[in-house]
Amino acid sequence: MSATKNREKQIEEIFESLHVLKRKLSEAYSSRDKIDITLSRWLVLRVVMQHSGAGVREISNLLGITSSAATQLISCLVKKNYLTREGDSEDRRALKIKLFARAKREHQGPLSVV
């Protein structure tokens, strides 16, 4: 296969993947109404599901937002019993963010779309 045809095929595959991702995100966003959270909070939950025990700085870096914004989103999710903050035994200043039982249950439902 020539380099041009190979490149065209790769571009086509990327566009197909983007279309699938867009559809899945749309489905996920519409299903989030069942759990009463914003898209930003839902994205935080997804990051914590994939990186359990991450700190606020790591979560903010993964989402491309400030630590302050991540802290606000996490605080709201803690109040709604989706997340929990746990102290780090190695660094008392650090907190590990983990899923709370409610989020673990709903991970099998509305949160599992993507």
N, C-alpha and C. Protein backbone atom coordinates (compact mmCIF):
# COMPACT_ATOMS: atom_id res chain seq x y z
N MET A 1 0.86 -1.17 0.00
CA MET A 1 0.00 0.00 0.00
C MET A 1 0.90 1.24 0.00
N SER A 2 0.60 2.19 -0.85
CA SER A 2 1.42 3.39 -0.93
C SER A 2 1.25 4.23 0.33
N ALA A 3 2.19 5.10 0.57
CA ALA A 3 2.16 5.96 1.75
C ALA A 3 0.91 6.84 1.75
N THR A 4 0.52 7.32 0.59
CA THR A 4 -0.66 8.18 0.49
C THR A 4 -1.93 7.41 0.84
N LYS A 5 -2.07 6.22 0.29
CA LYS A 5 -3.26 5.41 0.59
C LYS A 5 -3.28 5.01 2.06
N ASN A 6 -2.13 4.69 2.62
CA ASN A 6 -2.04 4.32 4.03
C ASN A 6 -2.45 5.51 4.90
N ARG A 7 -1.99 6.69 4.55
CA ARG A 7 -2.34 7.89 5.30
C ARG A 7 -3.84 8.16 5.20
N GLU A 8 -4.41 8.01 4.01
CA GLU A 8 -5.85 8.22 3.83
C GLU A 8 -6.65 7.24 4.67
N LYS A 9 -6.19 5.99 4.72
CA LYS A 9 -6.88 4.99 5.53
C LYS A 9 -6.80 5.34 7.01
N GLN A 10 -5.65 5.81 7.47
CA GLN A 10 -5.50 6.20 8.86
C GLN A 10 -6.41 7.38 9.20
N ILE A 11 -6.48 8.34 8.30
CA ILE A 11 -7.36 9.49 8.52
C ILE A 11 -8.81 9.04 8.59
N GLU A 12 -9.21 8.15 7.70
CA GLU A 12 -10.58 7.63 7.72
C GLU A 12 -10.86 6.91 9.04
N GLU A 13 -9.92 6.12 9.53
CA GLU A 13 -10.10 5.41 10.80
C GLU A 13 -10.21 6.39 11.97
N ILE A 14 -9.44 7.46 11.92
CA ILE A 14 -9.52 8.48 12.97
C ILE A 14 -10.89 9.12 12.98
N PHE A 15 -11.40 9.49 11.80
CA PHE A 15 -12.73 10.10 11.72
C PHE A 15 -13.81 9.15 12.21
N GLU A 16 -13.70 7.88 11.87
CA GLU A 16 -14.67 6.89 12.36
C GLU A 16 -14.60 6.78 13.88
N SER A 17 -13.41 6.77 14.42
CA SER A 17 -13.24 6.70 15.88
C SER A 17 -13.81 7.93 16.56
N LEU A 18 -13.59 9.10 15.97
CA LEU A 18 -14.15 10.33 16.53
C LEU A 18 -15.67 10.30 16.51
N HIS A 19 -16.24 9.77 15.44
CA HIS A 19 -17.70 9.67 15.35
C HIS A 19 -18.23 8.75 16.46
N VAL A 20 -17.59 7.62 16.66
CA VAL A 20 -18.01 6.69 17.72
C VAL A 20 -17.88 7.36 19.09
N LEU A 21 -16.76 8.05 19.31
CA LEU A 21 -16.55 8.74 20.58
C LEU A 21 -17.61 9.81 20.81
N LYS A 22 -17.92 10.58 19.78
CA LYS A 22 -18.95 11.62 19.90
C LYS A 22 -20.29 11.00 20.28
N ARG A 23 -20.64 9.90 19.62
CA ARG A 23 -21.92 9.24 19.92
C ARG A 23 -21.93 8.74 21.37
N LYS A 24 -20.84 8.11 21.80
CA LYS A 24 -20.79 7.58 23.16
C LYS A 24 -20.83 8.70 24.20
N LEU A 25 -20.14 9.80 23.93
CA LEU A 25 -20.18 10.93 24.86
C LEU A 25 -21.58 11.53 24.92
N SER A 26 -22.24 11.60 23.79
CA SER A 26 -23.61 12.11 23.76
C SER A 26 -24.53 11.21 24.58
N GLU A 27 -24.39 9.90 24.41
CA GLU A 27 -25.19 8.95 25.20
C GLU A 27 -24.88 9.09 26.68
N ALA A 28 -23.61 9.21 27.00
CA ALA A 28 -23.20 9.33 28.40
C ALA A 28 -23.74 10.61 29.01
N TYR A 29 -23.66 11.70 28.26
CA TYR A 29 -24.14 12.96 28.79
C TYR A 29 -25.64 12.92 29.02
N SER A 30 -26.38 12.31 28.12
CA SER A 30 -27.83 12.25 28.31
C SER A 30 -28.18 11.32 29.47
N SER A 31 -27.38 10.28 29.69
CA SER A 31 -27.67 9.36 30.80
C SER A 31 -27.29 9.95 32.14
N ARG A 32 -26.45 10.98 32.16
CA ARG A 32 -26.04 11.57 33.43
C ARG A 32 -27.20 12.23 34.14
N ASP A 33 -28.28 12.56 33.42
CA ASP A 33 -29.46 13.12 34.07
C ASP A 33 -30.01 12.17 35.12
N LYS A 34 -29.83 10.88 34.92
CA LYS A 34 -30.31 9.89 35.88
C LYS A 34 -29.57 9.97 37.20
N ILE A 35 -28.35 10.52 37.18
CA ILE A 35 -27.57 10.58 38.40
C ILE A 35 -27.37 12.01 38.88
N ASP A 36 -27.98 12.98 38.21
CA ASP A 36 -28.02 14.36 38.66
C ASP A 36 -26.64 14.97 38.89
N ILE A 37 -25.76 14.91 37.88
CA ILE A 37 -24.48 15.60 37.97
C ILE A 37 -24.20 16.30 36.65
N THR A 38 -23.34 17.31 36.72
CA THR A 38 -22.97 18.04 35.51
C THR A 38 -21.94 17.24 34.71
N LEU A 39 -21.73 17.66 33.48
CA LEU A 39 -20.74 16.99 32.65
C LEU A 39 -19.35 17.09 33.27
N SER A 40 -19.00 18.25 33.82
CA SER A 40 -17.68 18.42 34.44
C SER A 40 -17.49 17.45 35.61
N ARG A 41 -18.51 17.30 36.42
CA ARG A 41 -18.43 16.37 37.56
C ARG A 41 -18.36 14.93 37.06
N TRP A 42 -19.10 14.64 36.00
CA TRP A 42 -19.06 13.30 35.43
C TRP A 42 -17.66 12.97 34.94
N LEU A 43 -16.99 13.96 34.31
CA LEU A 43 -15.63 13.74 33.83
C LEU A 43 -14.67 13.48 34.99
N VAL A 44 -14.86 14.19 36.10
CA VAL A 44 -14.04 13.93 37.29
C VAL A 44 -14.25 12.50 37.77
N LEU A 45 -15.49 12.06 37.82
CA LEU A 45 -15.78 10.68 38.23
C LEU A 45 -15.09 9.68 37.32
N ARG A 46 -15.12 9.93 36.03
CA ARG A 46 -14.47 9.01 35.09
C ARG A 46 -12.96 8.94 35.35
N VAL A 47 -12.35 10.07 35.61
CA VAL A 47 -10.91 10.09 35.88
C VAL A 47 -10.61 9.31 37.16
N VAL A 48 -11.42 9.52 38.19
CA VAL A 48 -11.18 8.82 39.46
C VAL A 48 -11.43 7.32 39.30
N MET A 49 -12.38 6.94 38.46
CA MET A 49 -12.61 5.52 38.20
C MET A 49 -11.37 4.88 37.59
N GLN A 50 -10.70 5.62 36.74
CA GLN A 50 -9.52 5.09 36.05
C GLN A 50 -8.24 5.26 36.86
N HIS A 51 -8.23 6.23 37.78
CA HIS A 51 -7.02 6.54 38.55
C HIS A 51 -7.37 6.65 40.03
N SER A 52 -7.93 5.60 40.59
CA SER A 52 -8.34 5.60 41.99
C SER A 52 -7.13 5.90 42.88
N GLY A 53 -7.33 6.79 43.83
CA GLY A 53 -6.26 7.15 44.74
C GLY A 53 -5.42 8.31 44.25
N ALA A 54 -5.79 8.87 43.10
CA ALA A 54 -5.05 10.03 42.58
C ALA A 54 -5.29 11.23 43.48
N GLY A 55 -4.37 12.15 43.46
CA GLY A 55 -4.53 13.39 44.19
C GLY A 55 -5.19 14.45 43.33
N VAL A 56 -5.51 15.57 43.96
CA VAL A 56 -6.17 16.66 43.24
C VAL A 56 -5.31 17.15 42.08
N ARG A 57 -4.01 17.30 42.31
CA ARG A 57 -3.14 17.80 41.25
C ARG A 57 -3.13 16.86 40.05
N GLU A 58 -3.06 15.56 40.30
CA GLU A 58 -3.06 14.60 39.20
C GLU A 58 -4.39 14.65 38.44
N ILE A 59 -5.49 14.72 39.18
CA ILE A 59 -6.81 14.79 38.54
C ILE A 59 -6.92 16.06 37.69
N SER A 60 -6.46 17.18 38.24
CA SER A 60 -6.54 18.43 37.49
C SER A 60 -5.68 18.37 36.23
N ASN A 61 -4.50 17.76 36.33
CA ASN A 61 -3.64 17.62 35.15
C ASN A 61 -4.28 16.74 34.09
N LEU A 62 -4.89 15.64 34.51
CA LEU A 62 -5.53 14.73 33.56
C LEU A 62 -6.71 15.39 32.85
N LEU A 63 -7.40 16.29 33.54
CA LEU A 63 -8.55 16.97 32.95
C LEU A 63 -8.19 18.28 32.26
N GLY A 64 -6.97 18.76 32.50
CA GLY A 64 -6.56 20.02 31.90
C GLY A 64 -7.25 21.22 32.54
N ILE A 65 -7.49 21.14 33.85
CA ILE A 65 -8.12 22.24 34.59
C ILE A 65 -7.22 22.62 35.76
N THR A 66 -7.53 23.73 36.41
CA THR A 66 -6.73 24.16 37.56
C THR A 66 -7.02 23.27 38.77
N SER A 67 -6.07 23.26 39.70
CA SER A 67 -6.28 22.50 40.94
C SER A 67 -7.47 23.05 41.71
N SER A 68 -7.65 24.36 41.65
CA SER A 68 -8.78 24.99 42.34
C SER A 68 -10.12 24.50 41.76
N ALA A 69 -10.21 24.44 40.44
CA ALA A 69 -11.44 23.96 39.80
C ALA A 69 -11.67 22.49 40.14
N ALA A 70 -10.60 21.70 40.13
CA ALA A 70 -10.73 20.28 40.47
C ALA A 70 -11.20 20.12 41.91
N THR A 71 -10.65 20.92 42.81
CA THR A 71 -11.04 20.86 44.22
C THR A 71 -12.52 21.15 44.39
N GLN A 72 -13.03 22.16 43.68
CA GLN A 72 -14.45 22.50 43.77
C GLN A 72 -15.32 21.36 43.26
N LEU A 73 -14.95 20.79 42.13
CA LEU A 73 -15.72 19.68 41.58
C LEU A 73 -15.69 18.47 42.51
N ILE A 74 -14.52 18.17 43.04
CA ILE A 74 -14.37 17.03 43.95
C ILE A 74 -15.18 17.26 45.22
N SER A 75 -15.15 18.48 45.76
CA SER A 75 -15.91 18.78 46.98
C SER A 75 -17.40 18.54 46.78
N CYS A 76 -17.92 18.94 45.62
CA CYS A 76 -19.33 18.71 45.33
C CYS A 76 -19.63 17.22 45.27
N LEU A 77 -18.75 16.45 44.64
CA LEU A 77 -18.96 15.01 44.52
C LEU A 77 -18.80 14.30 45.85
N VAL A 78 -17.98 14.84 46.74
CA VAL A 78 -17.86 14.29 48.10
C VAL A 78 -19.18 14.51 48.84
N LYS A 79 -19.74 15.73 48.72
CA LYS A 79 -21.02 16.04 49.38
C LYS A 79 -22.15 15.15 48.87
N LYS A 80 -22.09 14.78 47.59
CA LYS A 80 -23.13 13.92 47.01
C LYS A 80 -22.84 12.43 47.22
N ASN A 81 -21.80 12.13 47.99
CA ASN A 81 -21.41 10.75 48.29
C ASN A 81 -20.99 9.94 47.07
N TYR A 82 -20.37 10.60 46.10
CA TYR A 82 -19.79 9.90 44.96
C TYR A 82 -18.31 9.63 45.18
N LEU A 83 -17.64 10.56 45.87
CA LEU A 83 -16.21 10.43 46.11
C LEU A 83 -15.91 10.55 47.59
N THR A 84 -14.74 10.08 47.96
CA THR A 84 -14.26 10.22 49.33
C THR A 84 -12.82 10.67 49.29
N ARG A 85 -12.44 11.46 50.29
CA ARG A 85 -11.04 11.89 50.43
C ARG A 85 -10.42 11.07 51.55
N GLU A 86 -9.27 10.49 51.26
CA GLU A 86 -8.57 9.70 52.27
C GLU A 86 -7.17 10.25 52.42
N GLY A 87 -6.69 10.28 53.66
CA GLY A 87 -5.33 10.73 53.90
C GLY A 87 -4.31 9.77 53.32
N ASP A 88 -3.17 10.31 52.96
CA ASP A 88 -2.07 9.51 52.42
C ASP A 88 -1.14 9.17 53.57
N SER A 89 -0.91 7.90 53.81
CA SER A 89 -0.07 7.48 54.93
C SER A 89 1.38 7.94 54.77
N GLU A 90 1.82 8.17 53.55
CA GLU A 90 3.20 8.60 53.30
C GLU A 90 3.36 10.12 53.36
N ASP A 91 2.30 10.85 53.06
CA ASP A 91 2.36 12.32 53.06
C ASP A 91 1.06 12.83 53.68
N ARG A 92 1.15 13.29 54.92
CA ARG A 92 -0.06 13.70 55.63
C ARG A 92 -0.74 14.90 54.99
N ARG A 93 -0.02 15.67 54.19
CA ARG A 93 -0.63 16.82 53.53
C ARG A 93 -1.46 16.42 52.32
N ALA A 94 -1.15 15.27 51.76
CA ALA A 94 -1.81 14.82 50.53
C ALA A 94 -3.10 14.05 50.83
N LEU A 95 -4.02 14.16 49.92
CA LEU A 95 -5.28 13.40 50.01
C LEU A 95 -5.42 12.55 48.76
N LYS A 96 -5.91 11.35 48.96
CA LYS A 96 -6.21 10.46 47.84
C LYS A 96 -7.71 10.52 47.60
N ILE A 97 -8.09 10.65 46.35
CA ILE A 97 -9.50 10.72 45.98
C ILE A 97 -9.92 9.35 45.46
N LYS A 98 -10.98 8.82 46.06
CA LYS A 98 -11.45 7.49 45.67
C LYS A 98 -12.97 7.51 45.50
N LEU A 99 -13.46 6.50 44.79
CA LEU A 99 -14.90 6.35 44.60
C LEU A 99 -15.56 5.91 45.90
N PHE A 100 -16.70 6.48 46.16
CA PHE A 100 -17.51 6.07 47.30
C PHE A 100 -18.45 4.97 46.81
N ALA A 101 -19.07 4.28 47.71
CA ALA A 101 -19.93 3.14 47.37
C ALA A 101 -21.00 3.51 46.33
N ARG A 102 -21.58 4.69 46.45
CA ARG A 102 -22.64 5.10 45.52
C ARG A 102 -22.11 5.14 44.08
N ALA A 103 -20.94 5.72 43.90
CA ALA A 103 -20.36 5.79 42.55
C ALA A 103 -19.98 4.41 42.04
N LYS A 104 -19.52 3.55 42.92
CA LYS A 104 -19.17 2.19 42.51
C LYS A 104 -20.42 1.46 42.01
N ARG A 105 -21.55 1.65 42.71
CA ARG A 105 -22.80 1.02 42.28
C ARG A 105 -23.23 1.57 40.93
N GLU A 106 -23.18 2.87 40.78
CA GLU A 106 -23.65 3.50 39.55
C GLU A 106 -22.65 3.33 38.41
N HIS A 107 -21.43 2.92 38.71
CA HIS A 107 -20.45 2.64 37.67
C HIS A 107 -20.97 1.53 36.76
N GLN A 108 -21.77 0.65 37.30
CA GLN A 108 -22.36 -0.42 36.51
C GLN A 108 -23.54 0.07 35.68
N GLY A 109 -24.05 1.27 35.99
CA GLY A 109 -25.21 1.81 35.28
C GLY A 109 -24.85 3.02 34.45
N PRO A 110 -25.42 4.18 34.77
CA PRO A 110 -25.27 5.37 33.93
C PRO A 110 -23.83 5.83 33.72
N LEU A 111 -22.95 5.58 34.67
CA LEU A 111 -21.58 6.07 34.54
C LEU A 111 -20.73 5.20 33.63
N SER A 112 -21.21 4.06 33.24
CA SER A 112 -20.38 3.11 32.49
C SER A 112 -20.47 3.25 30.98
N VAL A 113 -21.10 4.28 30.48
CA VAL A 113 -21.34 4.40 29.05
C VAL A 113 -20.05 4.49 28.26
N VAL A 114 -19.09 5.25 28.74
CA VAL A 114 -17.82 5.41 28.00
C VAL A 114 -16.73 4.70 28.76
